């Protein structure tokens, strides 16, 4: 991936994060019946939503590149099958953690929201993995599920500590959108660079034989 492709990924992910935050914030405002005091307050609210979405997108991209580094290291340390098993185990553990750990630790506290959150993340991961496999190859199934579940859950630890459902929804929705977008577009950016590299080597080989 060259610098131009990275800039494209960066700015488009920013827009998706901002759009996701705007949509989520406005829907939550309508559902809760909240109103603003005049046009100026409404525009300020939109600006806050936009800025929050941008920050969420940047946070998502940090997690994405951390995942790429982790995936590169994992492939170097473990055999192919072994690294897939590690990712599956970590995915299951992360999902069980977010759905049931606080239920047991919290005692009598109601934690149905954690189970719903886990189901939403899993559903988004399955849809993203299905589309990714359709666009690429079956080998993309496990990495996509791992990123969409385990990495997303790690990225939501901060908001889960706040323990406010509205804040969790506002963060998780744009985060899932950004993560899904980055995972689905990655192969296009890498394939372009790879194809150019292969074609360049082929031309050099032809010239050397001539």
N, C-alpha and C. Protein backbone atom coordinates (compact mmCIF):
# COMPACT_ATOMS: atom_id res chain seq x y z
N UNK A 1 0.85 -1.19 0.00
CA UNK A 1 0.00 0.00 0.00
C UNK A 1 0.88 1.24 0.00
N UNK A 2 0.75 2.07 -1.04
CA UNK A 2 1.55 3.28 -1.09
C UNK A 2 0.87 4.40 -0.32
N UNK A 3 1.56 5.56 -0.27
CA UNK A 3 1.08 6.67 0.53
C UNK A 3 -0.25 7.22 0.01
N UNK A 4 -0.41 7.25 -1.30
CA UNK A 4 -1.65 7.77 -1.88
C UNK A 4 -2.84 6.89 -1.49
N UNK A 5 -2.64 5.58 -1.52
CA UNK A 5 -3.71 4.66 -1.14
C UNK A 5 -4.03 4.79 0.35
N UNK A 6 -3.00 5.01 1.16
CA UNK A 6 -3.24 5.18 2.58
C UNK A 6 -4.04 6.44 2.86
N UNK A 7 -3.72 7.53 2.16
CA UNK A 7 -4.48 8.76 2.33
C UNK A 7 -5.95 8.56 1.93
N UNK A 8 -6.17 7.80 0.87
CA UNK A 8 -7.53 7.51 0.44
C UNK A 8 -8.28 6.75 1.54
N UNK A 9 -7.63 5.74 2.10
CA UNK A 9 -8.25 4.97 3.18
C UNK A 9 -8.52 5.85 4.39
N UNK A 10 -7.56 6.71 4.71
CA UNK A 10 -7.68 7.58 5.89
C UNK A 10 -8.88 8.51 5.78
N UNK A 11 -8.97 9.24 4.67
CA UNK A 11 -10.03 10.24 4.54
C UNK A 11 -11.40 9.61 4.34
N UNK A 12 -11.48 8.53 3.61
CA UNK A 12 -12.78 7.88 3.44
C UNK A 12 -13.27 7.27 4.75
N UNK A 13 -12.35 6.72 5.53
CA UNK A 13 -12.73 6.18 6.84
C UNK A 13 -13.18 7.30 7.77
N UNK A 14 -12.53 8.47 7.67
CA UNK A 14 -12.96 9.62 8.47
C UNK A 14 -14.40 10.01 8.14
N UNK A 15 -14.71 10.04 6.85
CA UNK A 15 -16.06 10.41 6.43
C UNK A 15 -17.09 9.40 6.91
N UNK A 16 -16.73 8.12 6.83
CA UNK A 16 -17.66 7.08 7.28
C UNK A 16 -17.88 7.18 8.79
N UNK A 17 -16.82 7.41 9.53
CA UNK A 17 -16.97 7.58 10.97
C UNK A 17 -17.82 8.78 11.33
N UNK A 18 -17.59 9.90 10.63
CA UNK A 18 -18.38 11.10 10.89
C UNK A 18 -19.84 10.89 10.52
N UNK A 19 -20.09 10.26 9.38
CA UNK A 19 -21.47 9.99 8.96
C UNK A 19 -22.16 9.04 9.92
N UNK A 20 -21.42 8.02 10.38
CA UNK A 20 -22.00 7.08 11.34
C UNK A 20 -22.36 7.74 12.65
N UNK A 21 -21.49 8.64 13.13
CA UNK A 21 -21.77 9.34 14.38
C UNK A 21 -22.94 10.31 14.22
N UNK A 22 -23.00 11.01 13.09
CA UNK A 22 -24.11 11.92 12.83
C UNK A 22 -25.44 11.17 12.79
N UNK A 23 -25.46 10.08 12.04
CA UNK A 23 -26.69 9.30 11.95
C UNK A 23 -27.12 8.72 13.28
N UNK A 24 -26.15 8.15 14.01
CA UNK A 24 -26.46 7.55 15.31
C UNK A 24 -26.94 8.60 16.30
N UNK A 25 -26.24 9.73 16.34
CA UNK A 25 -26.61 10.79 17.27
C UNK A 25 -27.99 11.36 17.00
N UNK A 26 -28.30 11.59 15.73
CA UNK A 26 -29.60 12.15 15.38
C UNK A 26 -30.73 11.16 15.67
N UNK A 27 -30.50 9.89 15.37
CA UNK A 27 -31.52 8.88 15.66
C UNK A 27 -31.76 8.77 17.16
N UNK A 28 -30.69 8.78 17.94
CA UNK A 28 -30.83 8.72 19.39
C UNK A 28 -31.57 9.94 19.93
N UNK A 29 -31.31 11.10 19.33
CA UNK A 29 -32.00 12.32 19.77
C UNK A 29 -33.50 12.22 19.49
N UNK A 30 -33.86 11.69 18.33
CA UNK A 30 -35.27 11.54 17.98
C UNK A 30 -35.96 10.50 18.87
N UNK A 31 -35.27 9.39 19.10
CA UNK A 31 -35.85 8.32 19.92
C UNK A 31 -36.08 8.79 21.35
N UNK A 32 -35.11 9.54 21.89
CA UNK A 32 -35.21 10.02 23.27
C UNK A 32 -36.08 11.26 23.40
N UNK A 33 -36.52 11.82 22.27
CA UNK A 33 -37.36 13.01 22.31
C UNK A 33 -36.64 14.26 22.76
N UNK A 34 -35.34 14.31 22.55
CA UNK A 34 -34.57 15.48 22.96
C UNK A 34 -34.71 16.60 21.93
N UNK A 35 -34.65 17.83 22.42
CA UNK A 35 -34.75 19.00 21.55
C UNK A 35 -33.64 19.98 21.88
N UNK A 36 -33.26 20.76 20.88
CA UNK A 36 -32.24 21.79 21.06
C UNK A 36 -32.89 23.16 21.12
N UNK A 37 -32.21 24.10 21.75
CA UNK A 37 -32.72 25.46 21.89
C UNK A 37 -32.30 26.31 20.72
N UNK A 38 -33.01 26.17 19.61
CA UNK A 38 -32.73 27.01 18.47
C UNK A 38 -31.78 26.37 17.47
N UNK A 39 -31.61 27.08 16.36
CA UNK A 39 -30.78 26.59 15.27
C UNK A 39 -29.31 26.52 15.65
N UNK A 40 -28.84 27.51 16.40
CA UNK A 40 -27.42 27.54 16.77
C UNK A 40 -27.04 26.32 17.61
N UNK A 41 -27.89 25.98 18.56
CA UNK A 41 -27.61 24.80 19.39
C UNK A 41 -27.64 23.52 18.56
N UNK A 42 -28.56 23.46 17.61
CA UNK A 42 -28.64 22.28 16.75
C UNK A 42 -27.40 22.14 15.88
N UNK A 43 -26.93 23.25 15.31
CA UNK A 43 -25.71 23.21 14.50
C UNK A 43 -24.50 22.84 15.35
N UNK A 44 -24.47 23.35 16.58
CA UNK A 44 -23.37 22.99 17.49
C UNK A 44 -23.42 21.51 17.82
N UNK A 45 -24.61 20.99 17.99
CA UNK A 45 -24.78 19.55 18.26
C UNK A 45 -24.28 18.72 17.09
N UNK A 46 -24.61 19.15 15.87
CA UNK A 46 -24.12 18.45 14.68
C UNK A 46 -22.60 18.50 14.60
N UNK A 47 -22.03 19.65 14.95
CA UNK A 47 -20.57 19.78 14.91
C UNK A 47 -19.91 18.85 15.92
N UNK A 48 -20.51 18.74 17.09
CA UNK A 48 -19.97 17.83 18.12
C UNK A 48 -20.06 16.38 17.64
N UNK A 49 -21.18 16.03 17.03
CA UNK A 49 -21.33 14.68 16.50
C UNK A 49 -20.29 14.40 15.42
N UNK A 50 -20.10 15.37 14.54
CA UNK A 50 -19.13 15.21 13.45
C UNK A 50 -17.72 15.02 14.01
N UNK A 51 -17.34 15.86 14.95
CA UNK A 51 -16.01 15.75 15.55
C UNK A 51 -15.82 14.44 16.29
N UNK A 52 -16.86 14.00 16.98
CA UNK A 52 -16.78 12.72 17.69
C UNK A 52 -16.61 11.57 16.72
N UNK A 53 -17.33 11.63 15.60
CA UNK A 53 -17.20 10.58 14.59
C UNK A 53 -15.81 10.53 13.99
N UNK A 54 -15.21 11.70 13.78
CA UNK A 54 -13.85 11.76 13.26
C UNK A 54 -12.88 11.11 14.24
N UNK A 55 -13.03 11.42 15.52
CA UNK A 55 -12.14 10.84 16.53
C UNK A 55 -12.33 9.32 16.63
N UNK A 56 -13.58 8.88 16.54
CA UNK A 56 -13.84 7.44 16.57
C UNK A 56 -13.19 6.76 15.37
N UNK A 57 -13.25 7.41 14.22
CA UNK A 57 -12.62 6.85 13.02
C UNK A 57 -11.11 6.74 13.17
N UNK A 58 -10.49 7.78 13.73
CA UNK A 58 -9.05 7.73 13.95
C UNK A 58 -8.70 6.59 14.91
N UNK A 59 -9.50 6.44 15.95
CA UNK A 59 -9.29 5.35 16.90
C UNK A 59 -9.43 4.00 16.22
N UNK A 60 -10.42 3.90 15.34
CA UNK A 60 -10.63 2.66 14.58
C UNK A 60 -9.44 2.36 13.68
N UNK A 61 -8.90 3.38 13.04
CA UNK A 61 -7.76 3.17 12.15
C UNK A 61 -6.51 2.77 12.92
N UNK A 62 -6.34 3.31 14.12
CA UNK A 62 -5.23 2.88 14.96
C UNK A 62 -5.34 1.39 15.28
N UNK A 63 -6.55 0.96 15.61
CA UNK A 63 -6.77 -0.46 15.87
C UNK A 63 -6.55 -1.32 14.64
N UNK A 64 -6.92 -0.78 13.48
CA UNK A 64 -6.77 -1.53 12.24
C UNK A 64 -5.31 -1.77 11.91
N UNK A 65 -4.50 -0.73 12.02
CA UNK A 65 -3.08 -0.90 11.71
C UNK A 65 -2.37 -1.71 12.79
N UNK A 66 -2.84 -1.63 14.03
CA UNK A 66 -2.30 -2.51 15.06
C UNK A 66 -2.62 -3.97 14.73
N UNK A 67 -3.82 -4.21 14.22
CA UNK A 67 -4.19 -5.56 13.80
C UNK A 67 -3.32 -6.05 12.65
N UNK A 68 -3.04 -5.18 11.68
CA UNK A 68 -2.20 -5.58 10.55
C UNK A 68 -0.81 -5.99 11.03
N UNK A 69 -0.27 -5.24 11.99
CA UNK A 69 1.04 -5.58 12.54
C UNK A 69 0.96 -6.91 13.30
N UNK A 70 -0.09 -7.06 14.11
CA UNK A 70 -0.27 -8.31 14.85
C UNK A 70 -0.43 -9.49 13.91
N UNK A 71 -1.19 -9.31 12.85
CA UNK A 71 -1.40 -10.39 11.88
C UNK A 71 -0.10 -10.76 11.18
N UNK A 72 0.70 -9.76 10.87
CA UNK A 72 2.00 -10.02 10.23
C UNK A 72 2.92 -10.80 11.17
N UNK A 73 2.95 -10.40 12.44
CA UNK A 73 3.78 -11.10 13.41
C UNK A 73 3.26 -12.51 13.67
N UNK A 74 1.93 -12.65 13.74
CA UNK A 74 1.35 -13.97 13.98
C UNK A 74 1.68 -14.95 12.88
N UNK A 75 1.65 -14.48 11.63
CA UNK A 75 2.00 -15.35 10.51
C UNK A 75 3.46 -15.75 10.55
N UNK A 76 4.30 -14.89 11.13
CA UNK A 76 5.72 -15.21 11.21
C UNK A 76 6.05 -16.15 12.35
N UNK A 77 5.25 -16.10 13.42
CA UNK A 77 5.53 -16.92 14.59
C UNK A 77 4.86 -18.29 14.50
N UNK A 78 3.60 -18.31 14.08
CA UNK A 78 2.83 -19.55 14.04
C UNK A 78 2.72 -20.07 12.61
N UNK A 79 2.55 -21.37 12.46
CA UNK A 79 2.18 -21.90 11.13
C UNK A 79 0.79 -21.40 10.76
N UNK A 80 0.44 -21.53 9.48
CA UNK A 80 -0.82 -20.98 9.00
C UNK A 80 -2.01 -21.50 9.79
N UNK A 81 -2.09 -22.81 9.95
CA UNK A 81 -3.20 -23.41 10.68
C UNK A 81 -3.18 -23.00 12.14
N UNK A 82 -2.00 -22.93 12.72
CA UNK A 82 -1.88 -22.54 14.12
C UNK A 82 -2.35 -21.12 14.37
N UNK A 83 -2.00 -20.20 13.47
CA UNK A 83 -2.41 -18.81 13.62
C UNK A 83 -3.92 -18.67 13.48
N UNK A 84 -4.53 -19.47 12.62
CA UNK A 84 -5.98 -19.44 12.49
C UNK A 84 -6.65 -19.91 13.78
N UNK A 85 -6.09 -20.95 14.38
CA UNK A 85 -6.65 -21.46 15.64
C UNK A 85 -6.52 -20.42 16.75
N UNK A 86 -5.38 -19.76 16.81
CA UNK A 86 -5.17 -18.71 17.81
C UNK A 86 -6.20 -17.60 17.65
N UNK A 87 -6.45 -17.19 16.42
CA UNK A 87 -7.43 -16.13 16.17
C UNK A 87 -8.84 -16.57 16.56
N UNK A 88 -9.18 -17.82 16.27
CA UNK A 88 -10.50 -18.32 16.64
C UNK A 88 -10.67 -18.34 18.15
N UNK A 89 -9.65 -18.82 18.86
CA UNK A 89 -9.71 -18.88 20.32
C UNK A 89 -9.86 -17.48 20.91
N UNK A 90 -9.05 -16.53 20.43
CA UNK A 90 -9.12 -15.16 20.94
C UNK A 90 -10.47 -14.52 20.62
N UNK A 91 -11.02 -14.84 19.47
CA UNK A 91 -12.33 -14.30 19.10
C UNK A 91 -13.41 -14.80 20.05
N UNK A 92 -13.41 -16.10 20.32
CA UNK A 92 -14.40 -16.68 21.22
C UNK A 92 -14.25 -16.12 22.63
N UNK A 93 -13.01 -16.03 23.12
CA UNK A 93 -12.76 -15.50 24.46
C UNK A 93 -13.22 -14.06 24.59
N UNK A 94 -12.93 -13.25 23.57
CA UNK A 94 -13.34 -11.84 23.61
C UNK A 94 -14.86 -11.72 23.63
N UNK A 95 -15.52 -12.54 22.84
CA UNK A 95 -16.98 -12.49 22.78
C UNK A 95 -17.60 -12.93 24.10
N UNK A 96 -17.08 -14.00 24.67
CA UNK A 96 -17.59 -14.47 25.96
C UNK A 96 -17.31 -13.45 27.05
N UNK A 97 -16.18 -12.78 26.95
CA UNK A 97 -15.82 -11.78 27.96
C UNK A 97 -16.81 -10.63 27.96
N UNK A 98 -17.09 -10.08 26.79
CA UNK A 98 -17.97 -8.91 26.73
C UNK A 98 -19.42 -9.28 27.04
N UNK A 99 -19.82 -10.53 26.78
CA UNK A 99 -21.21 -10.92 26.97
C UNK A 99 -21.51 -11.41 28.39
N UNK A 100 -20.53 -12.10 29.03
CA UNK A 100 -20.85 -12.78 30.27
C UNK A 100 -19.95 -12.43 31.45
N UNK A 101 -18.75 -11.88 31.22
CA UNK A 101 -17.84 -11.66 32.34
C UNK A 101 -18.42 -10.68 33.35
N UNK A 102 -18.91 -9.53 32.87
CA UNK A 102 -19.45 -8.55 33.80
C UNK A 102 -20.76 -9.04 34.43
N UNK A 103 -21.42 -9.98 33.78
CA UNK A 103 -22.64 -10.56 34.36
C UNK A 103 -22.30 -11.32 35.63
N UNK A 104 -21.18 -12.07 35.60
CA UNK A 104 -20.77 -12.83 36.78
C UNK A 104 -20.12 -11.93 37.82
N UNK A 105 -19.30 -10.98 37.35
CA UNK A 105 -18.60 -10.09 38.28
C UNK A 105 -19.56 -9.12 38.95
N UNK A 106 -20.59 -8.69 38.20
CA UNK A 106 -21.50 -7.68 38.72
C UNK A 106 -22.54 -8.20 39.70
N UNK A 107 -22.57 -9.49 39.93
CA UNK A 107 -23.51 -10.04 40.89
C UNK A 107 -24.94 -9.96 40.40
N UNK A 108 -25.77 -9.21 41.15
CA UNK A 108 -27.20 -9.13 40.83
C UNK A 108 -27.52 -8.07 39.78
N UNK A 109 -26.54 -7.37 39.29
CA UNK A 109 -26.80 -6.30 38.33
C UNK A 109 -27.28 -6.88 36.99
N UNK A 110 -28.20 -6.16 36.37
CA UNK A 110 -28.75 -6.59 35.10
C UNK A 110 -27.74 -6.32 33.99
N UNK A 111 -27.41 -7.36 33.23
CA UNK A 111 -26.39 -7.23 32.19
C UNK A 111 -26.91 -7.71 30.84
N UNK A 112 -28.20 -7.61 30.62
CA UNK A 112 -28.75 -8.03 29.33
C UNK A 112 -28.18 -7.19 28.20
N UNK A 113 -27.82 -5.93 28.52
CA UNK A 113 -27.26 -5.05 27.49
C UNK A 113 -25.93 -5.57 26.97
N UNK A 114 -25.14 -6.22 27.83
CA UNK A 114 -23.87 -6.79 27.40
C UNK A 114 -24.09 -7.94 26.42
N UNK A 115 -25.10 -8.76 26.69
CA UNK A 115 -25.41 -9.87 25.78
C UNK A 115 -25.87 -9.34 24.43
N UNK A 116 -26.72 -8.30 24.47
CA UNK A 116 -27.19 -7.69 23.22
C UNK A 116 -26.02 -7.10 22.44
N UNK A 117 -25.11 -6.44 23.15
CA UNK A 117 -23.93 -5.86 22.50
C UNK A 117 -23.09 -6.93 21.82
N UNK A 118 -22.88 -8.04 22.52
CA UNK A 118 -22.11 -9.13 21.93
C UNK A 118 -22.78 -9.71 20.70
N UNK A 119 -24.11 -9.82 20.75
CA UNK A 119 -24.84 -10.34 19.59
C UNK A 119 -24.73 -9.39 18.40
N UNK A 120 -24.82 -8.09 18.67
CA UNK A 120 -24.71 -7.10 17.60
C UNK A 120 -23.33 -7.14 16.96
N UNK A 121 -22.29 -7.20 17.78
CA UNK A 121 -20.92 -7.26 17.25
C UNK A 121 -20.72 -8.54 16.45
N UNK A 122 -21.21 -9.66 16.96
CA UNK A 122 -21.08 -10.93 16.24
C UNK A 122 -21.84 -10.89 14.92
N UNK A 123 -23.04 -10.33 14.92
CA UNK A 123 -23.82 -10.25 13.68
C UNK A 123 -23.12 -9.38 12.65
N UNK A 124 -22.58 -8.24 13.09
CA UNK A 124 -21.84 -7.37 12.17
C UNK A 124 -20.61 -8.08 11.63
N UNK A 125 -19.94 -8.86 12.49
CA UNK A 125 -18.75 -9.59 12.06
C UNK A 125 -19.10 -10.66 11.03
N UNK A 126 -20.20 -11.37 11.25
CA UNK A 126 -20.60 -12.42 10.31
C UNK A 126 -20.95 -11.84 8.95
N UNK A 127 -21.69 -10.73 8.95
CA UNK A 127 -22.06 -10.09 7.68
C UNK A 127 -20.81 -9.61 6.95
N UNK A 128 -19.91 -8.96 7.68
CA UNK A 128 -18.67 -8.46 7.07
C UNK A 128 -17.83 -9.61 6.54
N UNK A 129 -17.71 -10.68 7.31
CA UNK A 129 -16.92 -11.83 6.87
C UNK A 129 -17.54 -12.48 5.64
N UNK A 130 -18.85 -12.55 5.59
CA UNK A 130 -19.53 -13.13 4.42
C UNK A 130 -19.23 -12.32 3.16
N UNK A 131 -19.35 -11.01 3.27
CA UNK A 131 -19.06 -10.15 2.12
C UNK A 131 -17.59 -10.24 1.73
N UNK A 132 -16.71 -10.27 2.74
CA UNK A 132 -15.28 -10.35 2.48
C UNK A 132 -14.92 -11.64 1.74
N UNK A 133 -15.50 -12.74 2.16
CA UNK A 133 -15.25 -14.02 1.49
C UNK A 133 -15.75 -13.99 0.06
N UNK A 134 -16.91 -13.38 -0.15
CA UNK A 134 -17.45 -13.26 -1.50
C UNK A 134 -16.54 -12.43 -2.40
N UNK A 135 -15.94 -11.40 -1.82
CA UNK A 135 -15.08 -10.51 -2.60
C UNK A 135 -13.69 -11.09 -2.82
N UNK A 136 -13.23 -11.93 -1.90
CA UNK A 136 -11.86 -12.43 -1.98
C UNK A 136 -11.82 -13.95 -1.99
N UNK A 137 -11.57 -14.53 -0.83
CA UNK A 137 -11.37 -15.99 -0.73
C UNK A 137 -11.80 -16.45 0.65
N UNK A 138 -12.07 -17.73 0.79
CA UNK A 138 -12.50 -18.30 2.05
C UNK A 138 -11.46 -18.12 3.15
N UNK A 139 -10.20 -17.96 2.76
CA UNK A 139 -9.13 -17.77 3.74
C UNK A 139 -9.28 -16.47 4.52
N UNK A 140 -10.11 -15.55 4.03
CA UNK A 140 -10.31 -14.27 4.71
C UNK A 140 -11.34 -14.37 5.83
N UNK A 141 -11.99 -15.52 5.98
CA UNK A 141 -13.06 -15.67 6.95
C UNK A 141 -12.58 -15.47 8.38
N UNK A 142 -11.58 -16.23 8.79
CA UNK A 142 -11.11 -16.17 10.17
C UNK A 142 -10.50 -14.81 10.52
N UNK A 143 -9.59 -14.25 9.70
CA UNK A 143 -9.05 -12.93 10.03
C UNK A 143 -10.12 -11.85 10.14
N UNK A 144 -11.13 -11.91 9.28
CA UNK A 144 -12.19 -10.90 9.33
C UNK A 144 -13.01 -11.02 10.61
N UNK A 145 -13.37 -12.25 10.97
CA UNK A 145 -14.11 -12.46 12.22
C UNK A 145 -13.28 -12.02 13.42
N UNK A 146 -11.99 -12.33 13.40
CA UNK A 146 -11.12 -11.95 14.50
C UNK A 146 -11.05 -10.43 14.65
N UNK A 147 -10.87 -9.75 13.54
CA UNK A 147 -10.76 -8.29 13.60
C UNK A 147 -12.09 -7.66 14.02
N UNK A 148 -13.18 -8.11 13.42
CA UNK A 148 -14.47 -7.49 13.69
C UNK A 148 -14.98 -7.79 15.10
N UNK A 149 -14.58 -8.91 15.68
CA UNK A 149 -15.04 -9.25 17.02
C UNK A 149 -14.00 -8.86 18.07
N UNK A 150 -12.84 -9.50 18.03
CA UNK A 150 -11.85 -9.31 19.09
C UNK A 150 -11.31 -7.88 19.12
N UNK A 151 -10.91 -7.36 17.98
CA UNK A 151 -10.33 -6.02 17.94
C UNK A 151 -11.38 -4.97 18.28
N UNK A 152 -12.60 -5.14 17.77
CA UNK A 152 -13.66 -4.19 18.09
C UNK A 152 -13.96 -4.17 19.58
N UNK A 153 -13.98 -5.32 20.20
CA UNK A 153 -14.24 -5.39 21.64
C UNK A 153 -13.12 -4.71 22.42
N UNK A 154 -11.88 -4.92 22.01
CA UNK A 154 -10.77 -4.24 22.67
C UNK A 154 -10.91 -2.73 22.54
N UNK A 155 -11.36 -2.28 21.37
CA UNK A 155 -11.52 -0.85 21.14
C UNK A 155 -12.67 -0.25 21.95
N UNK A 156 -13.60 -1.07 22.40
CA UNK A 156 -14.75 -0.57 23.16
C UNK A 156 -14.56 -0.67 24.67
N UNK A 157 -13.40 -1.11 25.12
CA UNK A 157 -13.19 -1.29 26.56
C UNK A 157 -13.41 0.02 27.31
N UNK A 158 -12.91 1.12 26.74
CA UNK A 158 -13.05 2.42 27.41
C UNK A 158 -14.50 2.81 27.64
N UNK A 159 -15.33 2.68 26.63
CA UNK A 159 -16.73 3.08 26.78
C UNK A 159 -17.50 2.08 27.63
N UNK A 160 -17.08 0.82 27.65
CA UNK A 160 -17.75 -0.17 28.50
C UNK A 160 -17.53 0.13 29.97
N UNK A 161 -16.39 0.74 30.29
CA UNK A 161 -16.13 1.11 31.68
C UNK A 161 -17.06 2.22 32.14
N UNK A 162 -17.49 3.07 31.22
CA UNK A 162 -18.43 4.14 31.57
C UNK A 162 -19.76 3.54 31.99
N UNK A 163 -20.13 2.43 31.36
CA UNK A 163 -21.34 1.68 31.71
C UNK A 163 -22.61 2.50 31.47
N UNK A 164 -22.63 3.21 30.34
CA UNK A 164 -23.82 3.96 29.93
C UNK A 164 -24.23 3.44 28.56
N UNK A 165 -25.42 2.91 28.45
CA UNK A 165 -25.85 2.29 27.20
C UNK A 165 -25.85 3.25 26.02
N UNK A 166 -26.29 4.48 26.25
CA UNK A 166 -26.33 5.47 25.17
C UNK A 166 -24.93 5.75 24.63
N UNK A 167 -23.97 5.88 25.53
CA UNK A 167 -22.59 6.13 25.11
C UNK A 167 -22.03 4.93 24.36
N UNK A 168 -22.37 3.74 24.81
CA UNK A 168 -21.91 2.52 24.13
C UNK A 168 -22.44 2.46 22.71
N UNK A 169 -23.72 2.74 22.54
CA UNK A 169 -24.31 2.72 21.20
C UNK A 169 -23.65 3.76 20.31
N UNK A 170 -23.44 4.95 20.84
CA UNK A 170 -22.87 6.04 20.05
C UNK A 170 -21.46 5.73 19.58
N UNK A 171 -20.71 4.98 20.38
CA UNK A 171 -19.33 4.64 20.01
C UNK A 171 -19.29 3.40 19.12
N UNK A 172 -20.06 2.39 19.46
CA UNK A 172 -19.95 1.10 18.78
C UNK A 172 -20.42 1.16 17.33
N UNK A 173 -21.50 1.88 17.05
CA UNK A 173 -22.03 1.91 15.68
C UNK A 173 -21.03 2.50 14.68
N UNK A 174 -20.49 3.71 14.90
CA UNK A 174 -19.48 4.21 13.96
C UNK A 174 -18.22 3.35 13.93
N UNK A 175 -17.88 2.76 15.08
CA UNK A 175 -16.69 1.92 15.15
C UNK A 175 -16.85 0.68 14.27
N UNK A 176 -18.00 0.06 14.34
CA UNK A 176 -18.26 -1.11 13.50
C UNK A 176 -18.27 -0.74 12.02
N UNK A 177 -18.84 0.40 11.70
CA UNK A 177 -18.87 0.85 10.30
C UNK A 177 -17.46 1.07 9.77
N UNK A 178 -16.63 1.74 10.56
CA UNK A 178 -15.25 2.01 10.13
C UNK A 178 -14.44 0.72 10.02
N UNK A 179 -14.59 -0.16 10.99
CA UNK A 179 -13.85 -1.42 10.96
C UNK A 179 -14.27 -2.28 9.77
N UNK A 180 -15.57 -2.34 9.51
CA UNK A 180 -16.05 -3.13 8.38
C UNK A 180 -15.55 -2.54 7.06
N UNK A 181 -15.59 -1.23 6.94
CA UNK A 181 -15.13 -0.58 5.71
C UNK A 181 -13.66 -0.86 5.46
N UNK A 182 -12.84 -0.71 6.49
CA UNK A 182 -11.40 -0.92 6.31
C UNK A 182 -11.09 -2.36 5.93
N UNK A 183 -11.78 -3.29 6.55
CA UNK A 183 -11.53 -4.69 6.24
C UNK A 183 -11.98 -5.04 4.82
N UNK A 184 -13.10 -4.47 4.39
CA UNK A 184 -13.64 -4.81 3.07
C UNK A 184 -12.86 -4.15 1.93
N UNK A 185 -12.24 -3.01 2.18
CA UNK A 185 -11.53 -2.32 1.11
C UNK A 185 -10.05 -2.67 1.08
N UNK A 186 -9.55 -3.31 2.11
CA UNK A 186 -8.11 -3.57 2.20
C UNK A 186 -7.58 -4.34 1.00
N UNK A 187 -8.28 -5.38 0.58
CA UNK A 187 -7.76 -6.21 -0.51
C UNK A 187 -7.67 -5.43 -1.82
N UNK A 188 -8.54 -4.46 -2.01
CA UNK A 188 -8.48 -3.65 -3.22
C UNK A 188 -7.23 -2.78 -3.24
N UNK A 189 -6.90 -2.20 -2.11
CA UNK A 189 -5.72 -1.35 -2.04
C UNK A 189 -4.45 -2.18 -2.18
N UNK A 190 -4.42 -3.33 -1.53
CA UNK A 190 -3.24 -4.19 -1.59
C UNK A 190 -3.11 -4.83 -2.96
N UNK A 191 -4.22 -5.26 -3.55
CA UNK A 191 -4.18 -5.91 -4.86
C UNK A 191 -3.64 -4.98 -5.93
N UNK A 192 -4.02 -3.70 -5.86
CA UNK A 192 -3.52 -2.74 -6.85
C UNK A 192 -2.01 -2.63 -6.77
N UNK A 193 -1.51 -2.49 -5.54
CA UNK A 193 -0.07 -2.38 -5.37
C UNK A 193 0.64 -3.66 -5.79
N UNK A 194 0.03 -4.81 -5.44
CA UNK A 194 0.65 -6.08 -5.79
C UNK A 194 0.68 -6.30 -7.28
N UNK A 195 -0.42 -5.98 -7.96
CA UNK A 195 -0.49 -6.16 -9.41
C UNK A 195 0.53 -5.29 -10.12
N UNK A 196 0.68 -4.06 -9.64
CA UNK A 196 1.66 -3.17 -10.25
C UNK A 196 3.08 -3.70 -10.05
N UNK A 197 3.32 -4.25 -8.85
CA UNK A 197 4.65 -4.79 -8.58
C UNK A 197 4.94 -6.00 -9.45
N UNK A 198 3.94 -6.87 -9.61
CA UNK A 198 4.13 -8.07 -10.43
C UNK A 198 4.33 -7.70 -11.88
N UNK A 199 3.53 -6.76 -12.39
CA UNK A 199 3.67 -6.34 -13.78
C UNK A 199 5.02 -5.68 -14.03
N UNK A 200 5.49 -4.92 -13.03
CA UNK A 200 6.79 -4.28 -13.17
C UNK A 200 7.91 -5.30 -13.23
N UNK A 201 7.82 -6.34 -12.41
CA UNK A 201 8.84 -7.39 -12.43
C UNK A 201 8.78 -8.16 -13.74
N UNK A 202 7.58 -8.38 -14.26
CA UNK A 202 7.44 -9.10 -15.53
C UNK A 202 8.08 -8.31 -16.67
N UNK A 203 7.88 -6.99 -16.67
CA UNK A 203 8.49 -6.16 -17.71
C UNK A 203 10.01 -6.18 -17.61
N UNK A 204 10.52 -6.13 -16.38
CA UNK A 204 11.97 -6.19 -16.20
C UNK A 204 12.52 -7.53 -16.68
N UNK A 205 11.78 -8.61 -16.43
CA UNK A 205 12.23 -9.92 -16.86
C UNK A 205 12.25 -10.02 -18.39
N UNK A 206 11.25 -9.44 -19.05
CA UNK A 206 11.22 -9.45 -20.50
C UNK A 206 12.38 -8.65 -21.08
N UNK A 207 12.67 -7.51 -20.46
CA UNK A 207 13.77 -6.68 -20.95
C UNK A 207 15.11 -7.38 -20.77
N UNK A 208 15.25 -8.13 -19.66
CA UNK A 208 16.52 -8.82 -19.43
C UNK A 208 16.72 -9.97 -20.41
N UNK A 209 15.61 -10.58 -20.85
CA UNK A 209 15.70 -11.67 -21.81
C UNK A 209 15.93 -11.17 -23.23
N UNK A 210 15.50 -9.94 -23.50
CA UNK A 210 15.62 -9.40 -24.87
C UNK A 210 17.08 -9.13 -25.24
